[in-house]
Amino acid sequence: MRATAAARGLGIVTLAATLLCGLAAAAWARVGPESFAPLVKKVLPAVVNIAVTQELSTGDLLQLPPELRGTPFERQFRELLRHRHERVIGAGSGFVIDPSGIIVTANHVIGSAQQITVSLIDGTQLPARVVGNDELTDIAVIKVEPPHPLPSVRWGDSRQVEVGDWVLAAGNPFGLGGTVTSGIISARGRDIGAGPFDDFLQLDAPINPGNSGGPSFDMDGNVVGVNTAIVSPSGGSVGIGFAIPSEIARPIVEELLRNGSIARGWLGVSVADRPEGSTEHGVPIAGVERNSPAARAGIHPGDIVIAVNNERVDSARELIRNIAAVHPGTVVHLRLLRHGREMDIPVAVGRRPVIRAD
């Protein structure tokens, strides 16, 4: 009886301990970290403000950049335009990944800027040059020449973050430098129609105009995302922001540092998704460009691609991404259906043309 009672007592103690652990975890989930201050002190010195200047051609409209509207810098901007009508200024964020002055930002922040100025957290301003940029993933790398090594941050692994994990976003919303906001990963793998490589982390940490190009950190201070877009009817944060996952951004940055550009595979076809609700597989070819790799390989409009190198594809997005991942000049094998007959066609993939906005 005493052993049984002791066992019961031990069971009660164990149950109580389990309940206490559960309550502690629940309390942590409710209130979050006690303070983000140690993390902010660690990472914020590596976050920079980026200002861009672009010459205006005759007839261009002078417009106030949305990230400056309603901020203390709006009056300064309007005064500048009053005296110097040939220039327009925009603002964004970035982060230092190497003490020598290598900075990552969003491609749309630098755009076609003719002058880029980076402001450090201590107020130091440095001119920057573009090392490389990629429009399709909205990633750019710029370089400054600092008088001393700069504070820098490290990449994290976005594959390890889960929906519900804490994130800290840093940047310069509305031109207000050195700002941090906190929230959680609210979704993964978001496609917002920005391009064929959409695979965003969705955040509920407030992100506003001017945050673009800034980092989102995990709780160890590693960069797991590059802030790039928001969904907002008003232009301000409504709790839905998007970041390029580090698993996508990091290899793009590394290739830009090596080559200055991204070499992507290209077939030269236009494709379409199956109608919603269709039970048929594969990606229909809607058109084939003349003298393209696909045309030279004998691919026809109406063909249906069902696999690339034996990897099944069921959407236009999948096909585009699979081909883009292939280095130009590489031969891939497309398995396709033509008039109901399955066939294998080898294609020497070309280099995806660079499409620039006018």
Protein backbone atom coordinates (compact mmCIF):
# COMPACT_ATOMS: atom_id res chain seq x y z
CA MET A 1 0.00 0.00 0.00
CA ARG A 2 2.81 2.39 0.84
CA ALA A 3 4.48 1.68 -2.53
CA THR A 4 1.20 2.26 -4.30
CA ALA A 5 0.63 5.47 -2.41
CA ALA A 6 4.17 6.58 -3.16
CA ALA A 7 3.66 5.78 -6.81
CA ARG A 8 0.42 7.72 -6.79
CA GLY A 9 2.20 10.59 -5.07
CA LEU A 10 4.96 10.49 -7.67
CA GLY A 11 2.33 10.47 -10.39
CA ILE A 12 0.66 13.51 -8.85
CA VAL A 13 4.01 15.31 -8.65
CA THR A 14 4.81 14.40 -12.25
CA LEU A 15 1.37 15.53 -13.39
CA ALA A 16 1.77 18.77 -11.47
CA ALA A 17 5.18 19.37 -13.01
CA THR A 18 3.77 18.68 -16.46
CA LEU A 19 0.93 21.09 -15.87
CA LEU A 20 3.35 23.75 -14.62
CA CYS A 21 5.52 23.30 -17.73
CA GLY A 22 2.44 23.55 -19.89
CA LEU A 23 1.29 26.67 -18.10
CA ALA A 24 4.76 28.19 -18.41
CA ALA A 25 4.80 27.46 -22.14
CA ALA A 26 1.32 28.91 -22.49
CA ALA A 27 2.36 32.00 -20.57
CA TRP A 28 5.42 32.41 -22.83
CA ALA A 29 3.20 32.06 -25.88
CA ARG A 30 0.89 34.75 -24.54
CA VAL A 31 3.45 37.34 -23.50
CA GLY A 32 6.38 36.49 -25.78
CA PRO A 33 10.00 37.32 -24.92
CA GLU A 34 10.46 39.51 -21.87
CA SER A 35 12.31 42.02 -24.03
CA PHE A 36 13.70 42.28 -27.54
CA ALA A 37 16.29 44.81 -26.37
CA PRO A 38 19.30 42.43 -26.28
CA LEU A 39 18.49 41.23 -29.79
CA VAL A 40 17.99 44.77 -31.07
CA LYS A 41 21.37 45.88 -29.67
CA LYS A 42 22.98 42.93 -31.39
CA VAL A 43 21.55 43.37 -34.89
CA LEU A 44 20.44 46.98 -35.41
CA PRO A 45 23.95 48.42 -36.03
CA ALA A 46 24.10 46.31 -39.22
CA VAL A 47 20.84 47.72 -40.61
CA VAL A 48 21.25 50.71 -42.94
CA ASN A 49 19.16 53.37 -44.63
CA ILE A 50 19.43 53.62 -48.41
CA ALA A 51 18.64 56.84 -50.28
CA VAL A 52 18.57 56.90 -54.08
CA THR A 53 18.72 59.78 -56.53
CA GLN A 54 17.63 59.65 -60.15
CA GLU A 55 17.73 62.26 -62.88
CA LEU A 56 14.34 63.18 -64.34
CA SER A 57 13.92 63.58 -68.06
CA THR A 58 11.97 66.51 -69.43
CA GLY A 59 8.26 66.02 -68.96
CA ASP A 60 8.54 63.54 -66.10
CA LEU A 61 6.12 64.18 -63.26
CA LEU A 62 7.64 65.11 -59.92
CA GLN A 63 6.01 62.91 -57.31
CA LEU A 64 6.63 62.52 -53.64
CA PRO A 65 7.83 58.95 -52.93
CA PRO A 66 5.15 57.18 -50.87
CA GLU A 67 7.64 56.17 -48.18
CA LEU A 68 8.24 59.86 -47.40
CA ARG A 69 4.61 60.99 -47.39
CA GLY A 70 3.47 62.13 -43.95
CA THR A 71 6.97 61.93 -42.46
CA PRO A 72 9.31 64.62 -41.13
CA PHE A 73 11.21 64.31 -44.43
CA GLU A 74 8.28 65.33 -46.63
CA ARG A 75 8.88 69.04 -46.18
CA GLN A 76 12.61 68.60 -46.84
CA PHE A 77 11.84 66.67 -50.02
CA ARG A 78 9.39 69.27 -51.32
CA GLU A 79 11.92 72.02 -50.62
CA LEU A 80 14.51 70.08 -52.59
CA LEU A 81 12.16 69.72 -55.56
CA ARG A 82 11.38 73.42 -55.45
CA HIS A 83 15.03 74.28 -56.05
CA ARG A 84 16.26 71.24 -58.02
CA HIS A 85 13.62 69.93 -60.35
CA GLU A 86 15.97 67.54 -62.09
CA ARG A 87 16.17 64.98 -59.29
CA VAL A 88 13.92 62.57 -57.43
CA ILE A 89 14.72 60.78 -54.20
CA GLY A 90 13.51 57.46 -52.80
CA ALA A 91 14.35 55.58 -49.63
CA GLY A 92 14.62 52.02 -48.41
CA SER A 93 16.58 49.73 -46.13
CA GLY A 94 19.36 47.18 -46.28
CA PHE A 95 21.67 45.14 -44.09
CA VAL A 96 25.42 44.52 -43.98
CA ILE A 97 26.46 40.90 -44.50
CA ASP A 98 30.21 41.50 -44.64
CA PRO A 99 32.29 43.99 -42.60
CA SER A 100 34.02 45.12 -45.81
CA GLY A 101 30.79 46.90 -46.80
CA ILE A 102 28.68 44.33 -48.67
CA ILE A 103 25.00 45.24 -48.27
CA VAL A 104 21.85 43.36 -49.30
CA THR A 105 18.67 45.20 -50.21
CA ALA A 106 15.62 44.88 -52.46
CA ASN A 107 16.11 45.48 -56.16
CA HIS A 108 13.12 47.82 -56.36
CA VAL A 109 14.76 50.06 -53.74
CA ILE A 110 17.70 50.91 -55.98
CA GLY A 111 15.76 50.69 -59.26
CA SER A 112 17.58 52.68 -61.94
CA ALA A 113 19.20 55.01 -59.43
CA GLN A 114 22.14 57.05 -60.60
CA GLN A 115 23.32 57.77 -57.09
CA ILE A 116 22.98 55.62 -53.97
CA THR A 117 23.78 56.84 -50.48
CA VAL A 118 23.96 54.54 -47.47
CA SER A 119 23.43 55.93 -43.97
CA LEU A 120 24.78 53.94 -41.03
CA ILE A 121 23.20 53.91 -37.60
CA ASP A 122 25.78 56.43 -36.34
CA GLY A 123 24.81 58.91 -39.06
CA THR A 124 27.78 58.25 -41.34
CA GLN A 125 26.84 58.55 -45.01
CA LEU A 126 28.70 56.62 -47.69
CA PRO A 127 28.27 56.43 -51.46
CA ALA A 128 27.44 52.96 -52.76
CA ARG A 129 27.78 51.15 -56.08
CA VAL A 130 25.69 48.28 -57.39
CA VAL A 131 27.48 44.92 -57.36
CA GLY A 132 24.58 43.05 -58.94
CA ASN A 133 20.82 42.83 -59.00
CA ASP A 134 18.08 40.36 -59.89
CA GLU A 135 14.67 41.70 -60.88
CA LEU A 136 12.88 38.36 -60.76
CA THR A 137 13.58 37.75 -57.06
CA ASP A 138 13.84 41.46 -56.16
CA ILE A 139 17.31 41.07 -54.66
CA ALA A 140 20.21 43.52 -55.05
CA VAL A 141 23.72 43.74 -53.63
CA ILE A 142 25.50 47.07 -53.19
CA LYS A 143 28.95 47.96 -51.85
CA VAL A 144 30.31 50.83 -49.79
CA GLU A 145 33.93 51.59 -48.91
CA PRO A 146 33.89 52.16 -45.15
CA PRO A 147 36.86 53.63 -43.26
CA HIS A 148 36.64 50.74 -40.79
CA PRO A 149 34.96 47.29 -40.66
CA LEU A 150 31.19 47.54 -40.31
CA PRO A 151 28.92 45.59 -37.97
CA SER A 152 27.39 42.72 -39.92
CA VAL A 153 24.75 40.02 -39.53
CA ARG A 154 24.60 36.39 -40.61
CA TRP A 155 22.14 34.46 -42.71
CA GLY A 156 19.77 32.09 -40.97
CA ASP A 157 17.94 29.11 -42.45
CA SER A 158 14.37 30.00 -43.36
CA ARG A 159 13.63 26.31 -43.85
CA GLN A 160 13.82 25.94 -40.08
CA VAL A 161 11.31 28.65 -39.18
CA GLU A 162 7.70 27.65 -38.68
CA VAL A 163 4.36 29.39 -38.74
CA GLY A 164 4.01 30.94 -35.29
CA ASP A 165 7.74 31.61 -34.76
CA TRP A 166 8.77 35.07 -33.59
CA VAL A 167 10.49 37.46 -36.02
CA LEU A 168 11.99 40.92 -35.62
CA ALA A 169 11.80 43.23 -38.65
CA ALA A 170 14.21 46.16 -38.91
CA GLY A 171 14.49 49.07 -41.29
CA ASN A 172 13.54 52.65 -42.02
CA PRO A 173 9.76 52.90 -42.40
CA PHE A 174 8.62 56.26 -43.80
CA GLY A 175 12.25 57.40 -43.68
CA LEU A 176 12.47 56.99 -39.90
CA GLY A 177 15.79 55.22 -39.44
CA GLY A 178 16.65 52.51 -36.93
CA THR A 179 13.12 51.16 -36.41
CA VAL A 180 12.27 47.62 -35.28
CA THR A 181 8.93 45.82 -35.13
CA SER A 182 8.07 42.36 -33.88
CA GLY A 183 5.58 39.68 -34.87
CA ILE A 184 5.33 36.11 -36.03
CA ILE A 185 5.58 34.11 -39.23
CA SER A 186 1.91 33.97 -40.16
CA ALA A 187 2.23 31.85 -43.32
CA ARG A 188 4.79 30.29 -45.65
CA GLY A 189 5.04 29.80 -49.40
CA ARG A 190 2.90 32.77 -50.35
CA ASP A 191 2.41 33.54 -54.05
CA ILE A 192 1.32 37.18 -54.41
CA GLY A 193 1.63 37.40 -58.17
CA ALA A 194 4.86 39.39 -58.09
CA GLY A 195 6.67 36.92 -60.35
CA PRO A 196 7.31 33.26 -61.18
CA PHE A 197 9.59 32.82 -58.17
CA ASP A 198 7.13 33.94 -55.49
CA ASP A 199 7.62 31.89 -52.34
CA PHE A 200 7.29 34.49 -49.60
CA LEU A 201 7.21 34.31 -45.84
CA GLN A 202 4.14 36.18 -44.62
CA LEU A 203 4.73 38.25 -41.48
CA ASP A 204 2.45 40.11 -39.13
CA ALA A 205 5.31 42.31 -37.88
CA PRO A 206 4.39 45.82 -39.05
CA ILE A 207 6.17 46.57 -42.33
CA ASN A 208 5.68 49.93 -44.04
CA PRO A 209 7.03 51.82 -47.07
CA GLY A 210 10.74 52.32 -46.45
CA ASN A 211 11.14 48.90 -44.82
CA SER A 212 11.78 47.32 -48.23
CA GLY A 213 15.17 45.65 -48.38
CA GLY A 214 15.46 45.43 -44.61
CA PRO A 215 15.98 42.16 -42.73
CA SER A 216 13.69 39.97 -40.67
CA PHE A 217 15.55 38.18 -37.89
CA ASP A 218 14.91 35.01 -35.96
CA MET A 219 15.41 35.10 -32.21
CA ASP A 220 19.10 34.21 -32.59
CA GLY A 221 19.71 37.35 -34.64
CA ASN A 222 20.06 35.57 -37.98
CA VAL A 223 18.46 36.92 -41.16
CA VAL A 224 15.64 34.61 -42.26
CA GLY A 225 13.96 37.01 -44.69
CA VAL A 226 14.40 40.15 -46.80
CA ASN A 227 11.35 42.40 -46.45
CA THR A 228 9.96 43.22 -49.86
CA ALA A 229 6.20 43.87 -50.02
CA ILE A 230 3.05 44.66 -48.11
CA VAL A 231 -0.65 44.28 -48.75
CA SER A 232 -2.42 47.47 -47.76
CA PRO A 233 -5.36 49.48 -49.11
CA SER A 234 -4.09 52.53 -47.21
CA GLY A 235 -0.37 52.30 -48.00
CA GLY A 236 0.48 51.60 -44.35
CA SER A 237 0.82 48.36 -42.43
CA VAL A 238 -2.31 46.30 -41.86
CA GLY A 239 -0.40 43.33 -40.47
CA ILE A 240 0.32 41.55 -43.76
CA GLY A 241 3.90 41.84 -44.97
CA PHE A 242 6.09 39.60 -47.09
CA ALA A 243 9.75 38.66 -46.94
CA ILE A 244 11.94 36.75 -49.38
CA PRO A 245 13.09 33.63 -47.48
CA SER A 246 16.81 33.37 -46.83
CA GLU A 247 16.86 29.99 -48.57
CA ILE A 248 16.08 31.90 -51.79
CA ALA A 249 17.90 35.17 -51.08
CA ARG A 250 21.22 33.76 -49.89
CA PRO A 251 22.19 31.79 -53.04
CA ILE A 252 21.06 34.72 -55.20
CA VAL A 253 23.32 37.07 -53.22
CA GLU A 254 26.22 34.64 -53.47
CA GLU A 255 25.88 34.38 -57.26
CA LEU A 256 25.55 38.15 -57.61
CA LEU A 257 28.78 38.55 -55.65
CA ARG A 258 30.50 36.05 -57.97
CA ASN A 259 29.08 37.11 -61.32
CA GLY A 260 27.10 40.33 -60.93
CA SER A 261 24.03 38.74 -62.52
CA ILE A 262 21.93 35.57 -62.43
CA ALA A 263 22.15 33.11 -65.32
CA ARG A 264 18.76 31.41 -65.63
CA GLY A 265 17.56 28.76 -68.02
CA TRP A 266 15.01 29.64 -70.72
CA LEU A 267 12.95 27.66 -73.21
CA GLY A 268 11.25 30.46 -75.10
CA VAL A 269 7.68 29.29 -74.64
CA SER A 270 4.50 30.76 -73.26
CA VAL A 271 2.60 28.43 -70.96
CA ALA A 272 -0.80 28.24 -69.30
CA ASP A 273 -2.22 26.48 -66.27
CA ARG A 274 -5.01 23.95 -66.55
CA PRO A 275 -8.50 25.29 -65.81
CA GLU A 276 -9.33 25.23 -62.11
CA GLY A 277 -10.83 21.87 -61.16
CA SER A 278 -9.22 20.03 -64.07
CA THR A 279 -8.07 16.49 -63.26
CA GLU A 280 -5.57 16.39 -66.14
CA HIS A 281 -1.87 16.78 -65.43
CA GLY A 282 0.87 18.68 -67.18
CA VAL A 283 1.45 22.20 -68.50
CA PRO A 284 0.08 23.16 -71.94
CA ILE A 285 2.41 25.04 -74.30
CA ALA A 286 0.47 28.05 -75.60
CA GLY A 287 3.17 29.46 -77.88
CA VAL A 288 6.77 28.98 -79.00
CA GLU A 289 9.09 31.88 -79.87
CA ARG A 290 10.92 31.75 -83.18
CA ASN A 291 14.56 30.65 -82.99
CA SER A 292 14.17 29.85 -79.29
CA PRO A 293 15.62 26.70 -77.65
CA ALA A 294 12.14 25.17 -77.67
CA ALA A 295 11.63 25.90 -81.37
CA ARG A 296 15.00 24.40 -82.28
CA ALA A 297 14.15 21.28 -80.26
CA GLY A 298 10.87 20.81 -82.14
CA ILE A 299 8.39 21.72 -79.41
CA HIS A 300 4.99 22.80 -80.77
CA PRO A 301 2.08 24.86 -79.43
CA GLY A 302 -0.43 22.42 -77.98
CA ASP A 303 2.22 20.10 -76.55
CA ILE A 304 1.71 19.32 -72.86
CA VAL A 305 4.81 19.11 -70.67
CA ILE A 306 4.33 16.52 -67.94
CA ALA A 307 7.89 16.23 -66.57
CA VAL A 308 11.31 17.90 -66.62
CA ASN A 309 14.19 15.43 -66.18
CA ASN A 310 11.65 12.93 -64.81
CA GLU A 311 10.36 15.47 -62.26
CA ARG A 312 6.61 15.90 -62.71
CA VAL A 313 5.24 19.40 -63.31
CA ASP A 314 1.60 20.38 -62.88
CA SER A 315 1.65 24.17 -63.12
CA ALA A 316 3.16 26.88 -65.28
CA ARG A 317 4.96 28.19 -62.22
CA GLU A 318 6.60 24.81 -61.58
CA LEU A 319 7.77 24.53 -65.18
CA ILE A 320 9.21 28.05 -65.26
CA ARG A 321 11.03 27.56 -61.96
CA ASN A 322 12.43 24.17 -62.92
CA ILE A 323 13.82 25.47 -66.20
CA ALA A 324 15.11 28.68 -64.60
CA ALA A 325 17.12 26.59 -62.13
CA VAL A 326 19.02 24.95 -65.00
CA HIS A 327 22.27 26.60 -66.10
CA PRO A 328 22.12 27.88 -69.69
CA GLY A 329 23.63 25.41 -72.13
CA THR A 330 22.52 22.37 -70.14
CA VAL A 331 20.44 19.76 -71.94
CA VAL A 332 17.17 18.85 -70.18
CA HIS A 333 14.72 16.14 -71.11
CA LEU A 334 11.11 17.18 -71.42
CA ARG A 335 8.50 14.45 -71.28
CA LEU A 336 5.41 15.67 -73.04
CA LEU A 337 2.16 14.63 -74.61
CA ARG A 338 1.43 15.39 -78.26
CA HIS A 339 -1.97 14.34 -79.58
CA GLY A 340 -2.20 11.85 -76.72
CA ARG A 341 1.19 10.28 -77.44
CA GLU A 342 3.93 10.48 -74.79
CA MET A 343 7.41 11.44 -76.02
CA ASP A 344 10.81 12.57 -74.71
CA ILE A 345 12.47 15.65 -76.23
CA PRO A 346 15.96 16.85 -75.27
CA VAL A 347 16.36 20.65 -75.19
CA ALA A 348 19.56 22.68 -74.85
CA VAL A 349 18.35 25.38 -72.45
CA GLY A 350 19.12 28.98 -73.38
CA ARG A 351 19.81 32.00 -71.19
CA ARG A 352 16.76 33.85 -69.95
CA PRO A 353 16.68 37.37 -71.44
CA VAL A 354 16.82 40.29 -69.05
CA ILE A 355 13.52 42.17 -69.15
CA ARG A 356 13.81 45.80 -68.17
CA ALA A 357 10.97 48.17 -67.45
CA ASP A 358 10.82 51.31 -69.61
